[in-house]
């Protein structure tokens, strides 16, 4: 059913007015064959044959042009690219967090070096000895 509606969207212009009407009523508006036959004053078999003929025309068009296949492949590629972009965005966020953590660690190391330098200079301090 989804395939027929997708094919109808692509190739509906190739159908007769009656074929388009019957496909619309049956697939899009969910009318039964009996309801369509009653509305148009034709037999259920006539509605069935018209639908089969329309579906055959749509399938032949797709077999020749492959537009639905190309559309589905393009949609799949877009979905794949979208998933990859989300993954890259997540990785970028993680990298930014990592870079921030590295910067904090570098800052801490620098402060520790300064503190060690001060302590070291204090330890080297020698008091002046007064001669008496």
N, C-alpha and C. Protein backbone atom coordinates (compact mmCIF):
# COMPACT_ATOMS: atom_id res chain seq x y z
N UNK A 1 0.83 -1.19 0.00
CA UNK A 1 0.00 0.00 0.00
C UNK A 1 0.87 1.26 0.00
N UNK A 2 1.89 1.32 0.86
CA UNK A 2 2.76 2.48 0.88
C UNK A 2 3.49 2.63 -0.45
N UNK A 3 3.87 1.51 -1.02
CA UNK A 3 4.57 1.56 -2.31
C UNK A 3 3.65 2.15 -3.38
N UNK A 4 2.40 1.71 -3.41
CA UNK A 4 1.46 2.22 -4.42
C UNK A 4 1.27 3.72 -4.25
N UNK A 5 1.13 4.19 -3.02
CA UNK A 5 0.94 5.63 -2.82
C UNK A 5 2.20 6.41 -3.20
N UNK A 6 3.38 5.85 -2.93
CA UNK A 6 4.62 6.52 -3.33
C UNK A 6 4.73 6.56 -4.85
N UNK A 7 4.40 5.45 -5.49
CA UNK A 7 4.43 5.41 -6.96
C UNK A 7 3.39 6.37 -7.54
N UNK A 8 2.24 6.45 -6.90
CA UNK A 8 1.19 7.37 -7.34
C UNK A 8 1.70 8.81 -7.28
N UNK A 9 2.40 9.15 -6.20
CA UNK A 9 2.94 10.51 -6.07
C UNK A 9 3.92 10.82 -7.20
N UNK A 10 4.71 9.83 -7.58
CA UNK A 10 5.72 10.05 -8.62
C UNK A 10 5.16 10.00 -10.04
N UNK A 11 4.30 9.03 -10.29
CA UNK A 11 3.87 8.75 -11.66
C UNK A 11 2.36 8.90 -11.89
N UNK A 12 1.66 9.47 -10.93
CA UNK A 12 0.21 9.59 -11.05
C UNK A 12 -0.25 10.29 -12.32
N UNK A 13 0.58 11.17 -12.84
CA UNK A 13 0.25 11.89 -14.07
C UNK A 13 0.14 10.99 -15.29
N UNK A 14 0.66 9.77 -15.20
CA UNK A 14 0.59 8.82 -16.31
C UNK A 14 -0.75 8.08 -16.36
N UNK A 15 -1.53 8.19 -15.31
CA UNK A 15 -2.79 7.44 -15.20
C UNK A 15 -3.94 8.23 -15.81
N UNK A 16 -4.99 7.49 -16.14
CA UNK A 16 -6.22 8.14 -16.60
C UNK A 16 -6.89 8.81 -15.40
N UNK A 17 -7.82 9.70 -15.68
CA UNK A 17 -8.54 10.37 -14.59
C UNK A 17 -9.24 9.34 -13.70
N UNK A 18 -9.87 8.36 -14.32
CA UNK A 18 -10.59 7.35 -13.55
C UNK A 18 -9.63 6.53 -12.68
N UNK A 19 -8.49 6.14 -13.24
CA UNK A 19 -7.50 5.39 -12.46
C UNK A 19 -7.02 6.21 -11.25
N UNK A 20 -6.77 7.49 -11.48
CA UNK A 20 -6.34 8.36 -10.38
C UNK A 20 -7.42 8.47 -9.31
N UNK A 21 -8.66 8.64 -9.75
CA UNK A 21 -9.77 8.75 -8.80
C UNK A 21 -9.91 7.47 -7.97
N UNK A 22 -9.89 6.33 -8.64
CA UNK A 22 -10.05 5.06 -7.92
C UNK A 22 -8.89 4.80 -6.95
N UNK A 23 -7.67 5.07 -7.40
CA UNK A 23 -6.52 4.90 -6.50
C UNK A 23 -6.64 5.83 -5.30
N UNK A 24 -7.02 7.06 -5.54
CA UNK A 24 -7.18 8.02 -4.45
C UNK A 24 -8.24 7.54 -3.46
N UNK A 25 -9.38 7.13 -3.98
CA UNK A 25 -10.47 6.68 -3.11
C UNK A 25 -10.09 5.41 -2.34
N UNK A 26 -9.45 4.49 -3.00
CA UNK A 26 -9.15 3.21 -2.37
C UNK A 26 -7.96 3.30 -1.40
N UNK A 27 -6.85 3.88 -1.86
CA UNK A 27 -5.63 3.89 -1.04
C UNK A 27 -5.53 5.08 -0.09
N UNK A 28 -5.94 6.25 -0.55
CA UNK A 28 -5.77 7.43 0.30
C UNK A 28 -6.98 7.69 1.20
N UNK A 29 -8.16 7.40 0.68
CA UNK A 29 -9.37 7.65 1.48
C UNK A 29 -9.96 6.38 2.08
N UNK A 30 -9.30 5.25 1.80
CA UNK A 30 -9.64 3.96 2.42
C UNK A 30 -11.06 3.48 2.13
N UNK A 31 -11.57 3.76 0.93
CA UNK A 31 -12.88 3.23 0.54
C UNK A 31 -12.72 1.81 0.01
N UNK A 32 -13.71 0.99 0.27
CA UNK A 32 -13.68 -0.39 -0.23
C UNK A 32 -14.06 -0.40 -1.71
N UNK A 33 -13.78 -1.54 -2.35
CA UNK A 33 -14.17 -1.68 -3.75
C UNK A 33 -15.68 -1.52 -3.91
N UNK A 34 -16.44 -2.07 -2.97
CA UNK A 34 -17.90 -1.98 -3.02
C UNK A 34 -18.35 -0.53 -2.92
N UNK A 35 -17.72 0.25 -2.03
CA UNK A 35 -18.11 1.66 -1.89
C UNK A 35 -17.80 2.45 -3.16
N UNK A 36 -16.66 2.17 -3.76
CA UNK A 36 -16.31 2.87 -5.00
C UNK A 36 -17.25 2.46 -6.13
N UNK A 37 -17.53 1.16 -6.23
CA UNK A 37 -18.42 0.68 -7.30
C UNK A 37 -19.81 1.29 -7.15
N UNK A 38 -20.28 1.41 -5.94
CA UNK A 38 -21.60 2.00 -5.69
C UNK A 38 -21.60 3.48 -6.07
N UNK A 39 -20.55 4.19 -5.70
CA UNK A 39 -20.45 5.62 -5.97
C UNK A 39 -20.38 5.91 -7.47
N UNK A 40 -19.73 5.03 -8.24
CA UNK A 40 -19.55 5.27 -9.67
C UNK A 40 -20.53 4.47 -10.54
N UNK A 41 -21.34 3.63 -9.91
CA UNK A 41 -22.32 2.86 -10.67
C UNK A 41 -21.68 1.82 -11.58
N UNK A 42 -20.59 1.20 -11.11
CA UNK A 42 -19.92 0.15 -11.87
C UNK A 42 -19.78 -1.07 -10.96
N UNK A 43 -19.37 -2.19 -11.53
CA UNK A 43 -19.21 -3.40 -10.73
C UNK A 43 -17.93 -3.34 -9.89
N UNK A 44 -17.92 -4.15 -8.85
CA UNK A 44 -16.71 -4.27 -8.02
C UNK A 44 -15.55 -4.77 -8.88
N UNK A 45 -15.86 -5.69 -9.79
CA UNK A 45 -14.83 -6.24 -10.68
C UNK A 45 -14.22 -5.14 -11.55
N UNK A 46 -15.05 -4.22 -12.00
CA UNK A 46 -14.56 -3.11 -12.82
C UNK A 46 -13.60 -2.22 -12.00
N UNK A 47 -13.97 -1.96 -10.75
CA UNK A 47 -13.10 -1.17 -9.87
C UNK A 47 -11.79 -1.91 -9.66
N UNK A 48 -11.89 -3.22 -9.38
CA UNK A 48 -10.71 -4.04 -9.16
C UNK A 48 -9.79 -4.02 -10.38
N UNK A 49 -10.36 -4.21 -11.57
CA UNK A 49 -9.57 -4.22 -12.80
C UNK A 49 -8.91 -2.86 -13.04
N UNK A 50 -9.64 -1.79 -12.77
CA UNK A 50 -9.08 -0.44 -12.94
C UNK A 50 -7.91 -0.22 -12.00
N UNK A 51 -8.05 -0.67 -10.75
CA UNK A 51 -6.96 -0.54 -9.77
C UNK A 51 -5.74 -1.35 -10.20
N UNK A 52 -5.99 -2.59 -10.66
CA UNK A 52 -4.87 -3.43 -11.12
C UNK A 52 -4.16 -2.81 -12.31
N UNK A 53 -4.92 -2.28 -13.24
CA UNK A 53 -4.34 -1.64 -14.41
C UNK A 53 -3.50 -0.42 -14.01
N UNK A 54 -4.03 0.37 -13.08
CA UNK A 54 -3.31 1.55 -12.60
C UNK A 54 -2.01 1.15 -11.91
N UNK A 55 -2.10 0.14 -11.04
CA UNK A 55 -0.91 -0.33 -10.33
C UNK A 55 0.13 -0.86 -11.31
N UNK A 56 -0.32 -1.56 -12.33
CA UNK A 56 0.59 -2.09 -13.35
C UNK A 56 1.29 -0.94 -14.09
N UNK A 57 0.55 0.08 -14.43
CA UNK A 57 1.13 1.25 -15.11
C UNK A 57 2.19 1.90 -14.23
N UNK A 58 1.88 2.04 -12.95
CA UNK A 58 2.83 2.65 -12.01
C UNK A 58 4.10 1.81 -11.87
N UNK A 59 3.91 0.50 -11.76
CA UNK A 59 5.07 -0.41 -11.61
C UNK A 59 5.93 -0.41 -12.87
N UNK A 60 5.30 -0.37 -14.05
CA UNK A 60 6.06 -0.32 -15.30
C UNK A 60 6.87 0.98 -15.38
N UNK A 61 6.27 2.07 -14.97
CA UNK A 61 6.98 3.35 -14.98
C UNK A 61 8.19 3.29 -14.05
N UNK A 62 8.00 2.71 -12.88
CA UNK A 62 9.12 2.59 -11.92
C UNK A 62 10.19 1.66 -12.47
N UNK A 63 9.79 0.57 -13.12
CA UNK A 63 10.76 -0.36 -13.69
C UNK A 63 11.62 0.32 -14.76
N UNK A 64 11.04 1.28 -15.46
CA UNK A 64 11.79 2.00 -16.50
C UNK A 64 12.62 3.16 -15.94
N UNK A 65 12.05 3.90 -15.02
CA UNK A 65 12.69 5.15 -14.57
C UNK A 65 13.42 5.05 -13.23
N UNK A 66 13.00 4.14 -12.38
CA UNK A 66 13.64 3.91 -11.07
C UNK A 66 13.65 5.14 -10.16
N UNK A 67 12.69 6.03 -10.32
CA UNK A 67 12.68 7.24 -9.49
C UNK A 67 12.44 6.93 -8.01
N UNK A 68 11.56 5.97 -7.73
CA UNK A 68 11.30 5.62 -6.33
C UNK A 68 12.56 5.03 -5.70
N UNK A 69 13.24 4.17 -6.44
CA UNK A 69 14.48 3.60 -5.94
C UNK A 69 15.53 4.67 -5.68
N UNK A 70 15.64 5.62 -6.60
CA UNK A 70 16.59 6.72 -6.42
C UNK A 70 16.21 7.58 -5.23
N UNK A 71 14.92 7.85 -5.09
CA UNK A 71 14.44 8.65 -3.97
C UNK A 71 14.74 7.95 -2.64
N UNK A 72 14.46 6.65 -2.58
CA UNK A 72 14.72 5.90 -1.35
C UNK A 72 16.20 5.85 -1.04
N UNK A 73 17.04 5.71 -2.06
CA UNK A 73 18.50 5.70 -1.84
C UNK A 73 18.96 7.07 -1.34
N UNK A 74 18.42 8.13 -1.91
CA UNK A 74 18.78 9.48 -1.47
C UNK A 74 18.34 9.72 -0.03
N UNK A 75 17.13 9.27 0.29
CA UNK A 75 16.63 9.44 1.66
C UNK A 75 17.50 8.66 2.64
N UNK A 76 17.91 7.47 2.25
CA UNK A 76 18.78 6.66 3.10
C UNK A 76 20.13 7.36 3.30
N UNK A 77 20.66 7.94 2.23
CA UNK A 77 21.93 8.66 2.34
C UNK A 77 21.80 9.87 3.25
N UNK A 78 20.69 10.58 3.14
CA UNK A 78 20.46 11.74 4.01
C UNK A 78 20.33 11.30 5.47
N UNK A 79 19.59 10.22 5.70
CA UNK A 79 19.46 9.70 7.07
C UNK A 79 20.82 9.30 7.63
N UNK A 80 21.63 8.65 6.81
CA UNK A 80 22.96 8.24 7.23
C UNK A 80 23.83 9.45 7.54
N UNK A 81 23.77 10.46 6.68
CA UNK A 81 24.55 11.68 6.91
C UNK A 81 24.08 12.39 8.18
N UNK A 82 22.78 12.38 8.42
CA UNK A 82 22.23 13.00 9.63
C UNK A 82 22.74 12.29 10.88
N UNK A 83 22.74 10.95 10.84
CA UNK A 83 23.26 10.19 11.98
C UNK A 83 24.74 10.49 12.19
N UNK A 84 25.49 10.59 11.10
CA UNK A 84 26.93 10.87 11.20
C UNK A 84 27.16 12.27 11.78
N UNK A 85 26.35 13.24 11.36
CA UNK A 85 26.47 14.60 11.90
C UNK A 85 26.20 14.62 13.40
N UNK A 86 25.18 13.88 13.82
CA UNK A 86 24.89 13.80 15.26
C UNK A 86 26.07 13.19 16.01
N UNK A 87 26.66 12.14 15.43
CA UNK A 87 27.82 11.49 16.06
C UNK A 87 29.00 12.46 16.14
N UNK A 88 29.25 13.19 15.05
CA UNK A 88 30.35 14.15 15.04
C UNK A 88 30.11 15.27 16.04
N UNK A 89 28.88 15.71 16.15
CA UNK A 89 28.53 16.75 17.13
C UNK A 89 28.81 16.26 18.54
N UNK A 90 28.43 15.02 18.81
CA UNK A 90 28.68 14.43 20.13
C UNK A 90 30.18 14.34 20.40
N UNK A 91 30.94 13.88 19.39
CA UNK A 91 32.39 13.77 19.55
C UNK A 91 33.03 15.15 19.76
N UNK A 92 32.52 16.16 19.07
CA UNK A 92 33.04 17.51 19.23
C UNK A 92 32.79 18.02 20.64
N UNK A 93 31.59 17.75 21.17
CA UNK A 93 31.30 18.14 22.55
C UNK A 93 32.26 17.46 23.51
N UNK A 94 32.50 16.16 23.30
CA UNK A 94 33.43 15.43 24.16
C UNK A 94 34.83 16.01 24.04
N UNK A 95 35.24 16.36 22.83
CA UNK A 95 36.57 16.94 22.62
C UNK A 95 36.68 18.28 23.33
N UNK A 96 35.63 19.10 23.23
CA UNK A 96 35.66 20.40 23.90
C UNK A 96 35.77 20.22 25.41
N UNK A 97 35.05 19.24 25.96
CA UNK A 97 35.15 18.97 27.39
C UNK A 97 36.56 18.51 27.74
N UNK A 98 37.13 17.65 26.89
CA UNK A 98 38.48 17.15 27.12
C UNK A 98 39.49 18.30 27.05
N UNK A 99 39.35 19.17 26.06
CA UNK A 99 40.26 20.31 25.93
C UNK A 99 40.15 21.22 27.15
N UNK A 100 38.95 21.42 27.63
CA UNK A 100 38.74 22.23 28.83
C UNK A 100 39.41 21.59 30.04
N UNK A 101 39.27 20.27 30.16
CA UNK A 101 39.90 19.56 31.27
C UNK A 101 41.42 19.62 31.16
N UNK A 102 41.95 19.51 29.96
CA UNK A 102 43.40 19.60 29.75
C UNK A 102 43.89 21.00 30.13
N UNK A 103 43.16 22.03 29.72
CA UNK A 103 43.54 23.41 30.06
C UNK A 103 43.54 23.61 31.57
N UNK A 104 42.54 23.07 32.25
CA UNK A 104 42.49 23.16 33.71
C UNK A 104 43.68 22.43 34.33
N UNK A 105 44.00 21.25 33.80
CA UNK A 105 45.13 20.48 34.32
C UNK A 105 46.44 21.23 34.09
N UNK A 106 46.60 21.83 32.91
CA UNK A 106 47.81 22.60 32.63
C UNK A 106 47.93 23.79 33.57
N UNK A 107 46.83 24.45 33.84
CA UNK A 107 46.83 25.58 34.77
C UNK A 107 47.21 25.13 36.17
N UNK A 108 46.67 24.01 36.58
CA UNK A 108 46.99 23.46 37.90
C UNK A 108 48.47 23.09 37.98
N UNK A 109 49.00 22.47 36.94
CA UNK A 109 50.42 22.10 36.91
C UNK A 109 51.28 23.36 37.01
N UNK A 110 50.90 24.41 36.29
CA UNK A 110 51.66 25.67 36.33
C UNK A 110 51.65 26.26 37.74
N UNK A 111 50.50 26.26 38.41
CA UNK A 111 50.42 26.77 39.79
C UNK A 111 51.26 25.92 40.73
N UNK A 112 51.23 24.60 40.51
CA UNK A 112 52.05 23.72 41.35
C UNK A 112 53.54 24.00 41.15
N UNK A 113 53.94 24.23 39.91
CA UNK A 113 55.35 24.55 39.63
C UNK A 113 55.76 25.85 40.35
N UNK A 114 54.87 26.82 40.28
CA UNK A 114 55.16 28.09 40.96
C UNK A 114 55.27 27.89 42.47
N UNK A 115 54.33 27.10 43.03
CA UNK A 115 54.38 26.82 44.47
C UNK A 115 55.66 26.07 44.83
N UNK A 116 56.02 25.10 44.01
CA UNK A 116 57.25 24.33 44.26
C UNK A 116 58.46 25.26 44.19
N UNK A 117 58.46 26.17 43.24
CA UNK A 117 59.56 27.14 43.12
C UNK A 117 59.67 28.01 44.36
N UNK A 118 58.54 28.48 44.88
CA UNK A 118 58.56 29.30 46.10
C UNK A 118 59.07 28.51 47.29
N UNK A 119 58.55 27.28 47.44
CA UNK A 119 58.99 26.44 48.55
C UNK A 119 60.48 26.14 48.42
N UNK A 120 60.91 25.86 47.21
CA UNK A 120 62.32 25.55 46.98
C UNK A 120 63.20 26.74 47.33
N UNK A 121 62.79 27.94 46.96
CA UNK A 121 63.59 29.12 47.29
C UNK A 121 63.60 29.36 48.79
N UNK A 122 62.50 29.03 49.46
CA UNK A 122 62.47 29.17 50.92
C UNK A 122 63.42 28.18 51.58
N UNK A 123 63.50 27.00 51.04
CA UNK A 123 64.37 25.98 51.62
C UNK A 123 65.84 26.32 51.40
N UNK A 124 66.16 27.04 50.36
CA UNK A 124 67.54 27.43 50.08
C UNK A 124 67.96 28.67 50.87
N UNK A 125 67.04 29.29 51.49
CA UNK A 125 67.35 30.51 52.24
C UNK A 125 68.27 30.17 53.40
N UNK A 126 69.37 30.89 53.47
CA UNK A 126 70.31 30.68 54.58
C UNK A 126 70.33 31.94 55.41
N UNK A 127 70.05 31.79 56.69
CA UNK A 127 70.07 32.99 57.53
C UNK A 127 71.49 33.55 57.65
N UNK A 128 71.56 34.84 57.76
CA UNK A 128 72.85 35.48 57.94
C UNK A 128 73.41 35.15 59.32
N UNK A 129 74.64 34.82 59.36
CA UNK A 129 75.28 34.53 60.65
C UNK A 129 75.97 35.82 61.11
N UNK A 130 75.64 36.21 62.32
CA UNK A 130 76.23 37.44 62.85
C UNK A 130 77.52 37.09 63.57
N UNK A 131 78.58 37.76 63.22
CA UNK A 131 79.85 37.55 63.92
C UNK A 131 79.84 38.40 65.19
N UNK A 132 80.22 37.84 66.23
CA UNK A 132 80.24 38.57 67.48
C UNK A 132 81.60 38.88 67.91
